[in-house]
Amino acid sequence: MLTAVIPKLPSRDLQVTRAYYVDQLGFAVAGSYPDYLIVERDGLQLHFFVATDLDPLANDGQVYVRTDGIDHLYSTLVDRGVAIHPNGALATKPWGQREFALLDPDHNLLTFGQAG
């Protein structure tokens, strides 16, 4: 039986990644190792590995996160000063999902969505 999917994303600097996810997005550190970081929020985990040669403008890392409180999450992040993706403001998409998107410091795309 499958129980979870845990994305593993590249990070050029785990301390920068940690600060962004903890201080900006409200995650907690669930594990921290010299070359690996695990953050968690609401029972969901994201894992990060060191990729010092990563070109953020060529990074294709993406995660889609479903939520049941999209409007509250969006307003909370905006109030914290989190940069929303230039093309990712909260909107209802043609496929019925309400979504918004962020780019983390390494340009991993985080899209948050809720069924309309």
N, C-alpha and C. Protein backbone atom coordinates (compact mmCIF):
# COMPACT_ATOMS: atom_id res chain seq x y z
N MET A 1 0.84 -1.18 0.00
CA MET A 1 0.00 0.00 0.00
C MET A 1 0.89 1.24 0.00
N LEU A 2 0.59 2.20 -0.87
CA LEU A 2 1.31 3.46 -0.92
C LEU A 2 0.72 4.41 0.13
N THR A 3 1.59 5.13 0.82
CA THR A 3 1.09 6.00 1.89
C THR A 3 1.47 7.47 1.73
N ALA A 4 2.49 7.79 0.94
CA ALA A 4 2.89 9.18 0.79
C ALA A 4 3.83 9.33 -0.39
N VAL A 5 3.88 10.53 -0.91
CA VAL A 5 4.88 10.92 -1.91
C VAL A 5 5.66 12.08 -1.32
N ILE A 6 6.98 11.96 -1.34
CA ILE A 6 7.82 12.99 -0.76
C ILE A 6 8.78 13.50 -1.82
N PRO A 7 8.56 14.72 -2.29
CA PRO A 7 9.47 15.28 -3.29
C PRO A 7 10.87 15.48 -2.72
N LYS A 8 11.88 15.25 -3.57
CA LYS A 8 13.27 15.53 -3.25
C LYS A 8 13.74 16.58 -4.25
N LEU A 9 14.08 17.76 -3.73
CA LEU A 9 14.39 18.90 -4.57
C LEU A 9 15.83 19.36 -4.36
N PRO A 10 16.42 19.97 -5.39
CA PRO A 10 17.80 20.47 -5.26
C PRO A 10 17.87 21.78 -4.49
N SER A 11 18.98 21.96 -3.80
CA SER A 11 19.26 23.19 -3.05
C SER A 11 20.74 23.52 -3.21
N ARG A 12 21.03 24.76 -3.58
CA ARG A 12 22.43 25.19 -3.66
C ARG A 12 23.01 25.44 -2.27
N ASP A 13 22.16 25.80 -1.32
CA ASP A 13 22.60 26.14 0.04
C ASP A 13 21.48 25.77 1.00
N LEU A 14 21.71 24.73 1.79
CA LEU A 14 20.65 24.24 2.67
C LEU A 14 20.25 25.25 3.72
N GLN A 15 21.16 26.13 4.15
CA GLN A 15 20.80 27.15 5.13
C GLN A 15 19.84 28.18 4.54
N VAL A 16 20.05 28.55 3.29
CA VAL A 16 19.14 29.47 2.61
C VAL A 16 17.79 28.80 2.41
N THR A 17 17.81 27.55 2.00
CA THR A 17 16.56 26.79 1.81
C THR A 17 15.82 26.68 3.13
N ARG A 18 16.53 26.33 4.17
CA ARG A 18 15.93 26.21 5.51
C ARG A 18 15.27 27.52 5.93
N ALA A 19 15.98 28.62 5.80
CA ALA A 19 15.43 29.92 6.19
C ALA A 19 14.17 30.24 5.40
N TYR A 20 14.16 29.99 4.11
CA TYR A 20 12.99 30.29 3.29
C TYR A 20 11.78 29.45 3.72
N TYR A 21 11.97 28.15 3.83
CA TYR A 21 10.84 27.28 4.14
C TYR A 21 10.35 27.44 5.57
N VAL A 22 11.25 27.68 6.51
CA VAL A 22 10.85 27.84 7.91
C VAL A 22 10.34 29.25 8.17
N ASP A 23 11.14 30.25 7.84
CA ASP A 23 10.79 31.64 8.19
C ASP A 23 9.71 32.23 7.29
N GLN A 24 9.71 31.86 6.03
CA GLN A 24 8.75 32.44 5.10
C GLN A 24 7.48 31.59 4.93
N LEU A 25 7.67 30.28 4.76
CA LEU A 25 6.52 29.42 4.44
C LEU A 25 5.92 28.69 5.63
N GLY A 26 6.54 28.79 6.79
CA GLY A 26 5.95 28.21 7.99
C GLY A 26 6.17 26.72 8.18
N PHE A 27 7.18 26.17 7.52
CA PHE A 27 7.53 24.76 7.74
C PHE A 27 8.39 24.66 8.99
N ALA A 28 8.53 23.45 9.50
CA ALA A 28 9.43 23.16 10.61
C ALA A 28 10.50 22.20 10.10
N VAL A 29 11.67 22.25 10.69
CA VAL A 29 12.73 21.31 10.31
C VAL A 29 12.42 19.97 10.95
N ALA A 30 12.36 18.93 10.12
CA ALA A 30 12.11 17.58 10.60
C ALA A 30 13.39 16.75 10.60
N GLY A 31 14.42 17.23 9.92
CA GLY A 31 15.71 16.56 9.88
C GLY A 31 16.71 17.44 9.18
N SER A 32 17.92 17.49 9.73
CA SER A 32 18.96 18.33 9.15
C SER A 32 20.28 17.58 9.22
N TYR A 33 20.91 17.43 8.06
CA TYR A 33 22.15 16.67 7.93
C TYR A 33 23.11 17.50 7.07
N PRO A 34 24.39 17.16 7.03
CA PRO A 34 25.32 17.99 6.26
C PRO A 34 24.91 18.22 4.80
N ASP A 35 24.36 17.24 4.14
CA ASP A 35 24.01 17.37 2.72
C ASP A 35 22.53 17.12 2.44
N TYR A 36 21.69 17.22 3.49
CA TYR A 36 20.28 16.87 3.31
C TYR A 36 19.43 17.62 4.33
N LEU A 37 18.27 18.06 3.90
CA LEU A 37 17.34 18.79 4.78
C LEU A 37 15.94 18.25 4.57
N ILE A 38 15.21 18.10 5.66
CA ILE A 38 13.81 17.69 5.61
C ILE A 38 12.99 18.74 6.34
N VAL A 39 11.98 19.28 5.65
CA VAL A 39 11.05 20.22 6.28
C VAL A 39 9.66 19.64 6.22
N GLU A 40 8.81 20.08 7.16
CA GLU A 40 7.48 19.49 7.29
C GLU A 40 6.48 20.57 7.68
N ARG A 41 5.29 20.45 7.13
CA ARG A 41 4.18 21.31 7.52
C ARG A 41 2.88 20.54 7.30
N ASP A 42 2.02 20.57 8.28
CA ASP A 42 0.71 19.91 8.20
C ASP A 42 0.82 18.45 7.76
N GLY A 43 1.87 17.77 8.24
CA GLY A 43 2.05 16.35 7.93
C GLY A 43 2.67 16.07 6.57
N LEU A 44 2.99 17.10 5.80
CA LEU A 44 3.64 16.92 4.50
C LEU A 44 5.11 17.26 4.61
N GLN A 45 5.94 16.46 3.95
CA GLN A 45 7.38 16.70 3.99
C GLN A 45 7.91 17.05 2.60
N LEU A 46 8.95 17.88 2.60
CA LEU A 46 9.76 18.14 1.42
C LEU A 46 11.19 17.84 1.82
N HIS A 47 11.92 17.15 0.95
CA HIS A 47 13.32 16.82 1.19
C HIS A 47 14.18 17.60 0.21
N PHE A 48 15.36 18.01 0.66
CA PHE A 48 16.29 18.78 -0.17
C PHE A 48 17.67 18.16 -0.09
N PHE A 49 18.32 18.07 -1.25
CA PHE A 49 19.68 17.58 -1.32
C PHE A 49 20.57 18.69 -1.86
N VAL A 50 21.84 18.67 -1.50
CA VAL A 50 22.78 19.69 -1.94
C VAL A 50 23.09 19.50 -3.42
N ALA A 51 22.97 20.61 -4.16
CA ALA A 51 23.28 20.62 -5.59
C ALA A 51 24.01 21.94 -5.87
N THR A 52 25.27 22.03 -5.46
CA THR A 52 26.00 23.29 -5.53
C THR A 52 26.18 23.80 -6.95
N ASP A 53 26.13 22.92 -7.93
CA ASP A 53 26.31 23.34 -9.32
C ASP A 53 24.98 23.65 -10.02
N LEU A 54 23.89 23.69 -9.27
CA LEU A 54 22.57 23.95 -9.84
C LEU A 54 22.50 25.35 -10.44
N ASP A 55 22.02 25.44 -11.66
CA ASP A 55 21.70 26.73 -12.28
C ASP A 55 20.21 26.95 -12.02
N PRO A 56 19.85 27.88 -11.12
CA PRO A 56 18.43 28.03 -10.79
C PRO A 56 17.56 28.37 -11.99
N LEU A 57 18.11 29.04 -12.98
CA LEU A 57 17.31 29.39 -14.15
C LEU A 57 17.06 28.19 -15.07
N ALA A 58 17.78 27.09 -14.82
CA ALA A 58 17.57 25.87 -15.59
C ALA A 58 16.93 24.77 -14.74
N ASN A 59 16.52 25.10 -13.52
CA ASN A 59 15.93 24.11 -12.61
C ASN A 59 14.49 23.82 -13.00
N ASP A 60 14.18 22.55 -13.17
CA ASP A 60 12.82 22.13 -13.50
C ASP A 60 12.10 21.50 -12.31
N GLY A 61 12.64 21.66 -11.09
CA GLY A 61 12.00 21.09 -9.91
C GLY A 61 10.63 21.72 -9.67
N GLN A 62 9.63 20.87 -9.48
CA GLN A 62 8.26 21.34 -9.27
C GLN A 62 7.54 20.45 -8.28
N VAL A 63 6.68 21.07 -7.48
CA VAL A 63 5.82 20.34 -6.54
C VAL A 63 4.43 20.96 -6.61
N TYR A 64 3.42 20.11 -6.66
CA TYR A 64 2.03 20.57 -6.60
C TYR A 64 1.48 20.12 -5.25
N VAL A 65 1.01 21.09 -4.46
CA VAL A 65 0.50 20.81 -3.12
C VAL A 65 -0.98 21.14 -3.07
N ARG A 66 -1.79 20.16 -2.72
CA ARG A 66 -3.22 20.41 -2.55
C ARG A 66 -3.49 20.92 -1.14
N THR A 67 -4.45 21.83 -1.03
CA THR A 67 -4.81 22.39 0.25
C THR A 67 -6.33 22.53 0.32
N ASP A 68 -6.85 22.64 1.53
CA ASP A 68 -8.28 22.90 1.68
C ASP A 68 -8.52 24.30 2.24
N GLY A 69 -7.46 25.12 2.24
CA GLY A 69 -7.58 26.49 2.74
C GLY A 69 -6.77 27.46 1.90
N ILE A 70 -6.96 27.43 0.60
CA ILE A 70 -6.11 28.18 -0.32
C ILE A 70 -6.15 29.69 -0.08
N ASP A 71 -7.33 30.24 0.17
CA ASP A 71 -7.43 31.69 0.35
C ASP A 71 -6.68 32.13 1.61
N HIS A 72 -6.83 31.39 2.68
CA HIS A 72 -6.12 31.72 3.92
C HIS A 72 -4.60 31.56 3.76
N LEU A 73 -4.19 30.47 3.14
CA LEU A 73 -2.77 30.23 2.91
C LEU A 73 -2.17 31.36 2.08
N TYR A 74 -2.84 31.72 1.01
CA TYR A 74 -2.35 32.78 0.12
C TYR A 74 -2.22 34.10 0.89
N SER A 75 -3.25 34.49 1.60
CA SER A 75 -3.21 35.77 2.31
C SER A 75 -2.14 35.76 3.40
N THR A 76 -1.96 34.64 4.08
CA THR A 76 -0.92 34.53 5.10
C THR A 76 0.46 34.72 4.50
N LEU A 77 0.71 34.08 3.37
CA LEU A 77 2.02 34.19 2.74
C LEU A 77 2.26 35.60 2.20
N VAL A 78 1.23 36.20 1.60
CA VAL A 78 1.36 37.57 1.12
C VAL A 78 1.64 38.51 2.28
N ASP A 79 0.94 38.33 3.40
CA ASP A 79 1.16 39.17 4.58
C ASP A 79 2.58 39.02 5.12
N ARG A 80 3.18 37.85 4.95
CA ARG A 80 4.57 37.61 5.40
C ARG A 80 5.58 38.18 4.41
N GLY A 81 5.11 38.67 3.28
CA GLY A 81 6.02 39.23 2.28
C GLY A 81 6.63 38.21 1.35
N VAL A 82 6.04 37.02 1.29
CA VAL A 82 6.54 35.98 0.38
C VAL A 82 6.24 36.40 -1.06
N ALA A 83 7.25 36.34 -1.90
CA ALA A 83 7.07 36.70 -3.32
C ALA A 83 6.26 35.63 -4.03
N ILE A 84 5.19 36.05 -4.66
CA ILE A 84 4.36 35.17 -5.48
C ILE A 84 4.96 35.16 -6.88
N HIS A 85 4.92 34.02 -7.54
CA HIS A 85 5.43 33.92 -8.92
C HIS A 85 4.77 34.99 -9.78
N PRO A 86 5.51 35.67 -10.65
CA PRO A 86 4.93 36.74 -11.47
C PRO A 86 3.69 36.30 -12.27
N ASN A 87 3.64 35.04 -12.65
CA ASN A 87 2.48 34.52 -13.38
C ASN A 87 1.64 33.60 -12.50
N GLY A 88 1.80 33.70 -11.17
CA GLY A 88 1.18 32.72 -10.29
C GLY A 88 0.28 33.28 -9.22
N ALA A 89 -0.32 34.45 -9.44
CA ALA A 89 -1.25 34.99 -8.43
C ALA A 89 -2.44 34.06 -8.27
N LEU A 90 -3.05 34.11 -7.11
CA LEU A 90 -4.21 33.26 -6.83
C LEU A 90 -5.32 33.52 -7.84
N ALA A 91 -5.77 32.45 -8.48
CA ALA A 91 -6.82 32.54 -9.50
C ALA A 91 -7.48 31.18 -9.66
N THR A 92 -8.71 31.21 -10.13
CA THR A 92 -9.39 29.98 -10.50
C THR A 92 -9.03 29.67 -11.94
N LYS A 93 -8.45 28.51 -12.15
CA LYS A 93 -7.97 28.09 -13.47
C LYS A 93 -9.10 27.49 -14.29
N PRO A 94 -8.92 27.42 -15.61
CA PRO A 94 -9.97 26.85 -16.47
C PRO A 94 -10.35 25.41 -16.10
N TRP A 95 -9.43 24.68 -15.46
CA TRP A 95 -9.72 23.30 -15.06
C TRP A 95 -10.38 23.21 -13.70
N GLY A 96 -10.75 24.37 -13.12
CA GLY A 96 -11.55 24.38 -11.90
C GLY A 96 -10.78 24.49 -10.60
N GLN A 97 -9.46 24.41 -10.64
CA GLN A 97 -8.65 24.53 -9.42
C GLN A 97 -8.38 26.00 -9.12
N ARG A 98 -8.41 26.37 -7.84
CA ARG A 98 -7.88 27.68 -7.41
C ARG A 98 -6.43 27.44 -7.08
N GLU A 99 -5.55 28.21 -7.69
CA GLU A 99 -4.12 27.96 -7.56
C GLU A 99 -3.33 29.26 -7.42
N PHE A 100 -2.15 29.11 -6.81
CA PHE A 100 -1.12 30.15 -6.87
C PHE A 100 0.23 29.44 -6.83
N ALA A 101 1.28 30.17 -7.20
CA ALA A 101 2.59 29.55 -7.31
C ALA A 101 3.69 30.46 -6.76
N LEU A 102 4.76 29.81 -6.29
CA LEU A 102 5.94 30.48 -5.75
C LEU A 102 7.18 29.85 -6.38
N LEU A 103 8.27 30.60 -6.39
CA LEU A 103 9.58 30.05 -6.71
C LEU A 103 10.44 30.17 -5.47
N ASP A 104 11.03 29.05 -5.03
CA ASP A 104 11.91 29.12 -3.88
C ASP A 104 13.27 29.69 -4.31
N PRO A 105 14.22 29.87 -3.41
CA PRO A 105 15.50 30.49 -3.78
C PRO A 105 16.26 29.76 -4.89
N ASP A 106 15.97 28.48 -5.10
CA ASP A 106 16.63 27.71 -6.16
C ASP A 106 15.74 27.53 -7.39
N HIS A 107 14.63 28.24 -7.41
CA HIS A 107 13.64 28.21 -8.49
C HIS A 107 12.92 26.87 -8.62
N ASN A 108 12.80 26.16 -7.50
CA ASN A 108 11.85 25.05 -7.46
C ASN A 108 10.48 25.68 -7.45
N LEU A 109 9.60 25.25 -8.36
CA LEU A 109 8.26 25.82 -8.47
C LEU A 109 7.33 25.10 -7.50
N LEU A 110 6.68 25.86 -6.63
CA LEU A 110 5.69 25.33 -5.70
C LEU A 110 4.34 25.86 -6.12
N THR A 111 3.45 24.97 -6.53
CA THR A 111 2.10 25.36 -6.89
C THR A 111 1.16 24.80 -5.84
N PHE A 112 0.30 25.66 -5.31
CA PHE A 112 -0.68 25.26 -4.31
C PHE A 112 -2.06 25.32 -4.96
N GLY A 113 -2.87 24.28 -4.75
CA GLY A 113 -4.17 24.25 -5.39
C GLY A 113 -5.26 23.66 -4.52
N GLN A 114 -6.46 24.12 -4.80
CA GLN A 114 -7.66 23.63 -4.12
C GLN A 114 -8.75 23.46 -5.15
N ALA A 115 -9.49 22.35 -5.06
CA ALA A 115 -10.59 22.12 -5.98
C ALA A 115 -11.62 23.23 -5.84
N GLY A 116 -12.10 23.72 -6.98
CA GLY A 116 -13.06 24.82 -6.98
C GLY A 116 -14.45 24.46 -6.58
